[in-house]
C-alpha atoms as a PDB file:
ATOM      1  CA  MET A   1      -0.085  -0.059  -0.114  1.00  0.00           C
ATOM      2  CA  ARG A   2       1.288   3.544  -0.814  1.00  0.00           C
ATOM      3  CA  SER A   3       1.726   6.299   1.716  1.00  0.00           C
ATOM      4  CA  PRO A   4      -0.226   9.474   1.082  1.00  0.00           C
ATOM      5  CA  GLU A   5       3.208  11.188  -0.077  1.00  0.00           C
ATOM      6  CA  THR A   6       3.551   8.758  -3.126  1.00  0.00           C
ATOM      7  CA  LYS A   7      -0.192   8.923  -4.343  1.00  0.00           C
ATOM      8  CA  THR A   8      -0.279  10.778  -7.569  1.00  0.00           C
ATOM      9  CA  ALA A   9      -2.996  13.269  -8.979  1.00  0.00           C
ATOM     10  CA  ARG A  10      -3.824  14.046 -12.487  1.00  0.00           C
ATOM     11  CA  ALA A  11      -4.924  17.159 -14.097  1.00  0.00           C
ATOM     12  CA  PRO A  12      -8.205  16.756 -15.858  1.00  0.00           C
ATOM     13  CA  ASP A  13      -6.787  17.127 -19.165  1.00  0.00           C
ATOM     14  CA  ASP A  14      -3.696  14.654 -18.836  1.00  0.00           C
ATOM     15  CA  ASN A  15      -3.669  11.696 -20.931  1.00  0.00           C
ATOM     16  CA  ALA A  16      -2.718   8.395 -19.649  1.00  0.00           C
ATOM     17  CA  SER A  17       0.825   8.496 -20.710  1.00  0.00           C
ATOM     18  CA  GLY A  18       1.420  12.037 -19.349  1.00  0.00           C
ATOM     19  CA  PRO A  19       3.590  12.801 -16.355  1.00  0.00           C
ATOM     20  CA  GLN A  20       1.733  12.520 -12.974  1.00  0.00           C
ATOM     21  CA  ARG A  21       2.257  14.927  -9.958  1.00  0.00           C
ATOM     22  CA  SER A  22       2.224  13.644  -6.617  1.00  0.00           C
ATOM     23  CA  LEU A  23      -0.582  14.869  -4.114  1.00  0.00           C
ATOM     24  CA  ARG A  24       2.179  16.708  -2.180  1.00  0.00           C
ATOM     25  CA  GLU A  25       3.170  18.547  -5.258  1.00  0.00           C
ATOM     26  CA  THR A  26      -0.378  19.398  -6.191  1.00  0.00           C
ATOM     27  CA  ALA A  27      -1.051  20.542  -2.721  1.00  0.00           C
ATOM     28  CA  ASP A  28       1.949  22.726  -2.918  1.00  0.00           C
ATOM     29  CA  LEU A  29       0.863  24.376  -6.341  1.00  0.00           C
ATOM     30  CA  HIS A  30      -2.584  24.929  -4.752  1.00  0.00           C
ATOM     31  CA  SER A  31      -0.994  26.842  -1.799  1.00  0.00           C
ATOM     32  CA  GLN A  32       1.278  28.813  -4.095  1.00  0.00           C
ATOM     33  CA  ILE A  33      -1.933  29.789  -6.204  1.00  0.00           C
ATOM     34  CA  LEU A  34      -4.106  30.633  -2.942  1.00  0.00           C
ATOM     35  CA  ASN A  35      -1.241  32.585  -1.443  1.00  0.00           C
ATOM     36  CA  ARG A  36      -0.893  34.889  -4.427  1.00  0.00           C
ATOM     37  CA  LEU A  37      -4.708  35.595  -4.469  1.00  0.00           C
ATOM     38  CA  GLY A  38      -6.815  37.704  -2.343  1.00  0.00           C
ATOM     39  CA  PRO A  39     -10.214  39.391  -2.326  1.00  0.00           C
ATOM     40  CA  SER A  40      -9.164  41.823  -5.129  1.00  0.00           C
ATOM     41  CA  PRO A  41      -9.172  40.175  -8.569  1.00  0.00           C
ATOM     42  CA  VAL A  42      -5.855  39.328 -10.308  1.00  0.00           C
ATOM     43  CA  ALA A  43      -5.390  38.633 -13.854  1.00  0.00           C
ATOM     44  CA  GLU A  44      -4.923  34.906 -14.619  1.00  0.00           C
ATOM     45  CA  ASP A  45      -1.981  35.515 -16.966  1.00  0.00           C
ATOM     46  CA  GLN A  46      -0.306  37.659 -14.367  1.00  0.00           C
ATOM     47  CA  LEU A  47      -0.680  34.972 -11.844  1.00  0.00           C
ATOM     48  CA  ILE A  48       0.714  32.622 -14.315  1.00  0.00           C
ATOM     49  CA  ARG A  49       3.746  34.936 -14.858  1.00  0.00           C
ATOM     50  CA  ASP A  50       4.181  35.405 -11.065  1.00  0.00           C
ATOM     51  CA  LEU A  51       4.359  31.699 -10.429  1.00  0.00           C
ATOM     52  CA  ALA A  52       6.871  31.202 -13.071  1.00  0.00           C
ATOM     53  CA  LEU A  53       5.502  27.771 -14.139  1.00  0.00           C
ATOM     54  CA  PRO A  54       4.222  26.496 -17.417  1.00  0.00           C
ATOM     55  CA  SER A  55       0.593  27.492 -17.982  1.00  0.00           C
ATOM     56  CA  GLN A  56      -0.304  23.929 -18.752  1.00  0.00           C
ATOM     57  CA  LYS A  57       0.638  22.982 -15.090  1.00  0.00           C
ATOM     58  CA  ILE A  58      -1.339  25.867 -13.620  1.00  0.00           C
ATOM     59  CA  THR A  59      -4.547  26.131 -15.580  1.00  0.00           C
ATOM     60  CA  PRO A  60      -5.948  22.621 -14.724  1.00  0.00           C
ATOM     61  CA  GLU A  61      -5.323  23.411 -11.017  1.00  0.00           C
ATOM     62  CA  LEU A  62      -7.106  26.740 -11.330  1.00  0.00           C
ATOM     63  CA  LEU A  63      -9.971  24.821 -12.602  1.00  0.00           C
ATOM     64  CA  ASN A  64      -9.783  22.433  -9.714  1.00  0.00           C
ATOM     65  CA  LEU A  65      -9.719  25.144  -7.303  1.00  0.00           C
ATOM     66  CA  GLU A  66     -12.638  26.968  -8.962  1.00  0.00           C
ATOM     67  CA  LEU A  67     -14.699  23.665  -8.893  1.00  0.00           C
ATOM     68  CA  ASP A  68     -13.673  23.307  -5.130  1.00  0.00           C
ATOM     69  CA  GLY A  69     -15.026  26.713  -4.483  1.00  0.00           C
ATOM     70  CA  LYS A  70     -11.899  28.228  -3.381  1.00  0.00           C
ATOM     71  CA  ILE A  71     -11.375  30.700  -6.086  1.00  0.00           C
ATOM     72  CA  ILE A  72     -13.720  32.821  -8.290  1.00  0.00           C
ATOM     73  CA  ARG A  73     -13.280  33.458 -11.914  1.00  0.00           C
ATOM     74  CA  ALA A  74     -14.660  36.727 -13.031  1.00  0.00           C
ATOM     75  CA  ALA A  75     -15.121  38.413 -16.436  1.00  0.00           C
ATOM     76  CA  GLY A  76     -11.752  39.333 -18.293  1.00  0.00           C
ATOM     77  CA  GLY A  77      -9.890  36.296 -16.889  1.00  0.00           C
ATOM     78  CA  MET A  78      -9.676  37.891 -13.307  1.00  0.00           C
ATOM     79  CA  LEU A  79      -9.263  35.415 -10.292  1.00  0.00           C
ATOM     80  CA  SER A  80      -9.804  36.155  -6.655  1.00  0.00           C
ATOM     81  CA  LEU A  81     -10.303  34.014  -3.548  1.00  0.00           C
ATOM     82  CA  ALA A  82     -13.682  32.931  -2.695  1.00  0.00           C
ATOM     83  CA  HIS A  83     -15.222  34.602   0.348  1.00  0.00           C
END
């Protein structure tokens, strides 16, 4: 049986042969995203530049956070923390 640190998570658009992230890596990315957001909206492209990671790693996680109700996506590609 695997320990929680070795479990992996897939972004919704990953194919079966794509690289996998561990749950710890995914949680760290979520924390980085949430730490950069606040009640005032930030442009999604600015957030991606600030994180200095490829957009294909960040955008699926933004969707996951949005579906979890942790962030809000507003018109014009603006993101903020959910209240």
